[in-house]
Amino acid sequence: MNQPFHLNFQDPNQQIGIDYDRRVGHYSMQEDHIHDHYELYYLCSGERTYFIKERSYRIVAGDLVFIDRNAVHKTSDVGIPDHERIVIYLARSFLEQSYPEWLPMLEESFKWDIPILRLHLHESSYLTELMDEIKHELLSLQPSSVLVIRHRIVELLLYAHRQRQNNTLLLLDNETPIHRKISDITRYLNDHIAETLSLTEVASHFYISPFYLSHLFKKTTGFTFSHYLNLSRIKEAQRRLRETQLPISEIAWQCGFDNFSHFGKTFKKISHLSPRDYRKAHGRT
C-alpha cells in the first residue's frame, strides 16, 4: 500500500458517480448512508466489515457488493489497516432509460439475499479485468471515457447475473453466532418500527445487558443503537412519503416519532431535505 489517494468521477448526466480511494491506516465511515441510488462496492485490497440492511458481512479483496436503493449500509474497520476500493453510484434512471427491456435482469443483483459476488480465484479474472479497466479510465480520462465506463458497469451487472445463473458464486460462511444475534435484533427493530423502542427494553427482550447490546451493536454494524434506529425509521418514513398521501404528521407517528419537531430535524439531517420537500422531489404533493 502506497500513499493515500482519492479520485472522484461524475458523468455529465449525473446518473453515474465513481469514488476511487486508497486509504492508509484504519478507517470507518462516519456519515449517514442511505440514498435513492444503487451502489456497487468493489474491494481491491484489504478487508472490511460491511453492514447491509440487517446483517454484517466480512468483505475481502475481490468481492463486489451490491447495495439496493434506500438500504441502510455502512463499512467499518476489522482491525486490519489499509484498503483500496472503488464505489460506483448508479441512478436507476440510467438503467431505466438506456436498457428498459433488460431492467429486471440488470437490477437483480441488488435484490439478492446475500448481495455479494464472490468467486473462486480461477473464475474471478474477468471481474478483475473489468474493475481494472474502470480504474484505468478514471486515472486517464478521455472524451470517450464516459461511454467506456457506462458499458463496463452494464457488463458488471450482466456478469453478476450470469454467475448467479451458472451457480458459480462462493457461499459466504462467515456469519458467527454474534452476527446472527445482531441480525435478529435489527430485524426486530425494523418489524416494530412504530413502537417506542429503548436500548433497555430491546436488551431485555433478547436477554442480554444494555451495555453488552450497545457495545456489540456498534462493533458489529458500525452504527450506534440509536443511530441505526433513527436511520431505519427515516427510511420507512421516506417510503411512505413516496408511496402514500398520508399526512406527514401521521407518517411521523407511524414511524415511531412522538415528537413532530424531532422527526422533522432528524429527517432533514439524514435526507438533506425536509419531509415536505422530499415528498415533492418524488412527485408527491
Protein backbone atom coordinates (compact mmCIF):
# COMPACT_ATOMS: atom_id res chain seq x y z
CA MET A 1 0.00 0.00 0.00
CA ASN A 2 1.45 3.36 -1.08
CA GLN A 3 0.31 6.85 -0.20
CA PRO A 4 -3.39 7.69 0.28
CA PHE A 5 -5.12 8.59 -2.96
CA HIS A 6 -8.63 9.74 -3.87
CA LEU A 7 -10.30 10.27 -7.22
CA ASN A 8 -13.90 11.24 -7.95
CA PHE A 9 -15.80 10.98 -11.25
CA GLN A 10 -19.27 12.20 -12.23
CA ASP A 11 -20.80 11.64 -15.64
CA PRO A 12 -22.37 14.66 -17.40
CA ASN A 13 -25.92 13.32 -16.91
CA GLN A 14 -25.46 12.94 -13.13
CA GLN A 15 -26.51 9.29 -13.46
CA ILE A 16 -23.17 7.68 -12.58
CA GLY A 17 -20.65 8.64 -9.93
CA ILE A 18 -17.45 6.81 -9.00
CA ASP A 19 -15.15 7.14 -5.98
CA TYR A 20 -11.74 5.50 -6.05
CA ASP A 21 -9.99 5.50 -2.69
CA ARG A 22 -6.70 4.11 -1.46
CA ARG A 23 -6.68 4.52 2.32
CA VAL A 24 -3.73 4.01 4.63
CA GLY A 25 -4.34 3.08 8.26
CA HIS A 26 -7.67 2.39 9.95
CA TYR A 27 -10.91 3.86 8.66
CA SER A 28 -14.64 3.57 9.32
CA MET A 29 -17.42 5.51 7.60
CA GLN A 30 -18.66 8.39 9.73
CA GLU A 31 -21.50 9.79 7.63
CA ASP A 32 -25.09 8.58 7.41
CA HIS A 33 -25.56 6.30 4.46
CA ILE A 34 -28.99 5.84 2.98
CA HIS A 35 -29.74 7.08 -0.53
CA ASP A 36 -32.01 6.67 -3.53
CA HIS A 37 -29.43 5.27 -5.95
CA TYR A 38 -27.80 1.88 -6.40
CA GLU A 39 -24.25 1.32 -5.22
CA LEU A 40 -21.58 -1.16 -6.30
CA TYR A 41 -18.65 -1.53 -3.92
CA TYR A 42 -15.51 -3.37 -5.10
CA LEU A 43 -12.72 -4.07 -2.64
CA CYS A 44 -9.39 -4.03 -4.49
CA SER A 45 -7.30 -4.85 -1.42
CA GLY A 46 -7.65 -5.23 2.34
CA GLU A 47 -10.59 -6.46 4.42
CA ARG A 48 -13.71 -4.67 5.66
CA THR A 49 -16.92 -5.26 7.57
CA TYR A 50 -19.98 -4.26 5.57
CA PHE A 51 -23.35 -3.88 7.26
CA ILE A 52 -26.26 -4.01 4.78
CA LYS A 53 -29.93 -3.80 5.77
CA GLU A 54 -29.99 -6.23 8.70
CA ARG A 55 -26.72 -8.14 8.51
CA SER A 56 -22.94 -7.68 8.67
CA TYR A 57 -20.55 -9.33 6.21
CA ARG A 58 -16.80 -9.79 6.21
CA ILE A 59 -15.62 -8.43 2.84
CA VAL A 60 -12.30 -9.49 1.32
CA ALA A 61 -10.31 -8.33 -1.71
CA GLY A 62 -12.07 -9.26 -4.94
CA ASP A 63 -15.60 -9.04 -3.52
CA LEU A 64 -18.20 -6.99 -5.38
CA VAL A 65 -21.03 -5.77 -3.14
CA PHE A 66 -24.45 -4.63 -4.40
CA ILE A 67 -26.31 -2.05 -2.31
CA ASP A 68 -30.00 -1.62 -3.07
CA ARG A 69 -31.67 1.79 -3.18
CA ASN A 70 -32.70 3.14 0.23
CA ALA A 71 -30.85 0.36 2.06
CA VAL A 72 -29.13 1.23 5.35
CA HIS A 73 -25.45 0.37 4.96
CA LYS A 74 -22.02 1.16 6.35
CA THR A 75 -18.45 -0.12 6.11
CA SER A 76 -16.17 -0.32 9.11
CA ASP A 77 -12.72 -1.40 10.16
CA VAL A 78 -11.92 -5.02 11.00
CA GLY A 79 -8.68 -4.20 12.81
CA ILE A 80 -6.54 -4.63 9.68
CA PRO A 81 -5.13 -1.32 8.34
CA ASP A 82 -5.08 -0.16 4.72
CA HIS A 83 -7.59 -0.84 2.00
CA GLU A 84 -8.33 0.18 -1.57
CA ARG A 85 -11.81 0.29 -3.04
CA ILE A 86 -13.93 1.51 -5.95
CA VAL A 87 -17.52 2.63 -5.31
CA ILE A 88 -19.94 3.15 -8.20
CA TYR A 89 -23.11 5.17 -7.58
CA LEU A 90 -25.80 4.36 -10.12
CA ALA A 91 -29.09 6.21 -10.63
CA ARG A 92 -31.98 3.94 -11.56
CA SER A 93 -32.78 6.34 -14.41
CA PHE A 94 -29.58 5.25 -16.19
CA LEU A 95 -30.77 1.64 -16.43
CA GLU A 96 -34.39 2.65 -16.96
CA GLN A 97 -33.66 4.93 -19.90
CA SER A 98 -30.82 3.00 -21.53
CA TYR A 99 -31.97 -0.60 -21.11
CA PRO A 100 -35.71 -0.62 -20.28
CA GLU A 101 -36.30 -4.12 -21.65
CA TRP A 102 -33.43 -5.56 -19.58
CA LEU A 103 -34.18 -3.65 -16.38
CA PRO A 104 -35.25 -6.65 -14.20
CA MET A 105 -32.09 -8.55 -15.16
CA LEU A 106 -29.77 -5.61 -14.52
CA GLU A 107 -31.36 -4.83 -11.14
CA GLU A 108 -31.42 -8.46 -9.99
CA SER A 109 -28.08 -8.44 -8.13
CA PHE A 110 -29.24 -5.64 -5.83
CA LYS A 111 -32.10 -7.87 -4.63
CA TRP A 112 -30.02 -10.95 -3.76
CA ASP A 113 -30.48 -12.29 -0.22
CA ILE A 114 -26.70 -12.08 0.13
CA PRO A 115 -25.79 -9.20 -2.21
CA ILE A 116 -22.15 -10.13 -2.70
CA LEU A 117 -20.36 -11.53 -5.75
CA ARG A 118 -17.52 -13.72 -4.51
CA LEU A 119 -15.87 -16.15 -6.91
CA HIS A 120 -13.18 -18.82 -6.98
CA LEU A 121 -9.82 -17.33 -7.91
CA HIS A 122 -9.75 -19.01 -11.33
CA GLU A 123 -13.19 -17.58 -12.18
CA SER A 124 -12.59 -14.02 -10.99
CA SER A 125 -10.18 -12.81 -13.68
CA TYR A 126 -12.91 -11.25 -15.83
CA LEU A 127 -14.29 -9.28 -12.87
CA THR A 128 -10.77 -8.09 -12.02
CA GLU A 129 -10.23 -7.01 -15.63
CA LEU A 130 -13.47 -5.02 -15.70
CA MET A 131 -12.63 -3.19 -12.49
CA ASP A 132 -9.06 -2.54 -13.68
CA GLU A 133 -10.47 -1.04 -16.90
CA ILE A 134 -12.76 1.26 -14.93
CA LYS A 135 -9.84 2.32 -12.72
CA HIS A 136 -7.69 2.93 -15.80
CA GLU A 137 -10.37 5.17 -17.34
CA LEU A 138 -10.60 7.14 -14.09
CA LEU A 139 -6.85 7.68 -13.98
CA SER A 140 -6.54 8.71 -17.64
CA LEU A 141 -9.83 10.40 -18.53
CA GLN A 142 -10.50 10.92 -22.24
CA PRO A 143 -13.60 12.16 -24.09
CA SER A 144 -14.62 8.53 -24.69
CA SER A 145 -14.16 7.51 -21.03
CA VAL A 146 -17.79 8.21 -20.09
CA LEU A 147 -19.05 5.78 -22.71
CA VAL A 148 -16.48 3.12 -21.78
CA ILE A 149 -17.38 3.39 -18.08
CA ARG A 150 -21.12 3.15 -18.79
CA HIS A 151 -20.60 -0.02 -20.82
CA ARG A 152 -18.30 -1.60 -18.23
CA ILE A 153 -20.88 -1.03 -15.48
CA VAL A 154 -23.56 -2.78 -17.54
CA GLU A 155 -21.08 -5.62 -18.18
CA LEU A 156 -20.59 -5.92 -14.41
CA LEU A 157 -24.32 -6.29 -13.83
CA LEU A 158 -24.69 -8.83 -16.65
CA TYR A 159 -21.67 -10.74 -15.39
CA ALA A 160 -23.14 -10.94 -11.88
CA HIS A 161 -26.45 -12.18 -13.32
CA ARG A 162 -24.71 -14.91 -15.33
CA GLN A 163 -22.58 -16.06 -12.42
CA ARG A 164 -25.71 -16.42 -10.30
CA GLN A 165 -27.47 -18.30 -13.10
CA ASN A 166 -24.46 -20.59 -13.55
CA ASN A 167 -24.27 -21.18 -9.79
CA THR A 168 -20.58 -20.22 -9.57
CA LEU A 169 -20.84 -17.87 -6.58
CA LEU A 170 -19.00 -18.89 -3.45
CA LEU A 171 -21.19 -19.28 -0.37
CA LEU A 172 -20.39 -16.86 2.43
CA ASP A 173 -19.95 -18.87 5.61
CA ASN A 174 -18.60 -16.14 7.87
CA GLU A 175 -21.78 -15.46 9.86
CA THR A 176 -20.97 -16.05 13.53
CA PRO A 177 -23.48 -16.53 16.36
CA ILE A 178 -22.88 -12.87 17.26
CA HIS A 179 -23.72 -11.77 13.72
CA ARG A 180 -26.87 -13.89 13.80
CA LYS A 181 -27.88 -12.32 17.11
CA ILE A 182 -27.41 -8.79 15.74
CA SER A 183 -29.35 -9.76 12.60
CA ASP A 184 -32.21 -10.91 14.82
CA ILE A 185 -32.08 -7.63 16.73
CA THR A 186 -32.05 -5.41 13.63
CA ARG A 187 -34.93 -7.42 12.16
CA TYR A 188 -36.84 -6.94 15.40
CA LEU A 189 -36.23 -3.18 15.28
CA ASN A 190 -37.50 -2.96 11.71
CA ASP A 191 -40.54 -5.12 12.47
CA HIS A 192 -41.51 -2.87 15.43
CA ILE A 193 -40.57 0.47 13.92
CA ALA A 194 -43.75 2.24 15.13
CA GLU A 195 -43.23 1.26 18.76
CA THR A 196 -41.29 3.05 21.48
CA LEU A 197 -38.03 1.12 21.48
CA SER A 198 -35.37 1.77 24.07
CA LEU A 199 -31.99 0.09 24.38
CA THR A 200 -33.00 -1.31 27.79
CA GLU A 201 -36.28 -2.77 26.52
CA VAL A 202 -34.71 -4.39 23.46
CA ALA A 203 -31.83 -5.78 25.53
CA SER A 204 -34.35 -7.28 27.96
CA HIS A 205 -36.29 -8.84 25.07
CA PHE A 206 -33.12 -10.62 23.90
CA TYR A 207 -31.92 -11.50 27.43
CA ILE A 208 -28.69 -9.51 27.30
CA SER A 209 -27.49 -6.46 29.22
CA PRO A 210 -27.97 -2.97 27.72
CA PHE A 211 -24.22 -2.31 27.97
CA TYR A 212 -23.39 -5.52 26.10
CA LEU A 213 -26.01 -4.85 23.44
CA SER A 214 -24.73 -1.29 22.91
CA HIS A 215 -21.12 -2.48 22.59
CA LEU A 216 -21.98 -5.45 20.38
CA PHE A 217 -24.26 -3.46 18.10
CA LYS A 218 -21.64 -0.77 17.42
CA LYS A 219 -18.85 -3.29 16.92
CA THR A 220 -20.87 -5.48 14.53
CA THR A 221 -22.78 -2.89 12.47
CA GLY A 222 -20.70 0.26 12.75
CA PHE A 223 -23.80 2.14 13.98
CA THR A 224 -24.80 3.05 17.49
CA PHE A 225 -28.13 1.52 18.51
CA SER A 226 -29.97 4.86 18.45
CA HIS A 227 -28.42 5.96 15.17
CA TYR A 228 -29.46 2.76 13.41
CA LEU A 229 -32.97 3.01 14.83
CA ASN A 230 -33.30 6.59 13.57
CA LEU A 231 -32.00 5.63 10.12
CA SER A 232 -34.47 2.75 9.90
CA ARG A 233 -37.35 4.98 10.94
CA ILE A 234 -36.42 7.69 8.44
CA LYS A 235 -36.02 5.08 5.70
CA GLU A 236 -39.57 3.89 6.38
CA ALA A 237 -40.83 7.49 6.52
CA GLN A 238 -39.22 8.12 3.13
CA ARG A 239 -41.02 5.10 1.68
CA ARG A 240 -44.39 6.29 2.97
CA LEU A 241 -43.78 9.81 1.70
CA ARG A 242 -43.03 8.39 -1.76
CA GLU A 243 -45.82 5.84 -1.89
CA THR A 244 -48.75 7.28 0.09
CA GLN A 245 -50.70 10.50 0.52
CA LEU A 246 -50.79 10.20 4.30
CA PRO A 247 -50.29 13.46 6.24
CA ILE A 248 -46.67 13.96 7.27
CA SER A 249 -47.63 14.08 10.95
CA GLU A 250 -49.32 10.68 10.60
CA ILE A 251 -46.25 9.22 8.90
CA ALA A 252 -44.04 10.54 11.71
CA TRP A 253 -46.24 8.84 14.31
CA GLN A 254 -46.39 5.56 12.32
CA CYS A 255 -42.59 5.53 12.17
CA GLY A 256 -42.08 5.82 15.90
CA PHE A 257 -41.69 9.59 16.37
CA ASP A 258 -43.94 11.01 19.08
CA ASN A 259 -42.43 14.50 18.66
CA PHE A 260 -43.09 16.08 15.25
CA SER A 261 -40.32 18.67 15.61
CA HIS A 262 -37.78 15.94 16.39
CA PHE A 263 -39.00 13.98 13.36
CA GLY A 264 -38.51 16.99 11.07
CA LYS A 265 -34.99 17.70 12.34
CA THR A 266 -33.94 14.03 12.16
CA PHE A 267 -35.43 13.62 8.69
CA LYS A 268 -33.62 16.67 7.32
CA LYS A 269 -30.31 15.67 8.89
CA ILE A 270 -30.43 12.24 7.21
CA SER A 271 -32.25 13.07 3.96
CA HIS A 272 -30.87 16.61 3.46
CA LEU A 273 -34.45 17.66 2.66
CA SER A 274 -37.47 18.43 4.78
CA PRO A 275 -40.24 15.77 4.67
CA ARG A 276 -42.38 18.10 2.56
CA ASP A 277 -39.58 18.82 0.07
CA TYR A 278 -38.67 15.12 -0.08
CA ARG A 279 -42.28 14.27 -1.00
CA LYS A 280 -42.32 16.96 -3.71
CA ALA A 281 -38.99 15.73 -5.11
CA HIS A 282 -40.55 12.29 -5.58
CA GLY A 283 -43.61 13.50 -7.40
CA ARG A 284 -46.00 13.77 -4.47
CA THR A 285 -47.74 16.98 -3.49
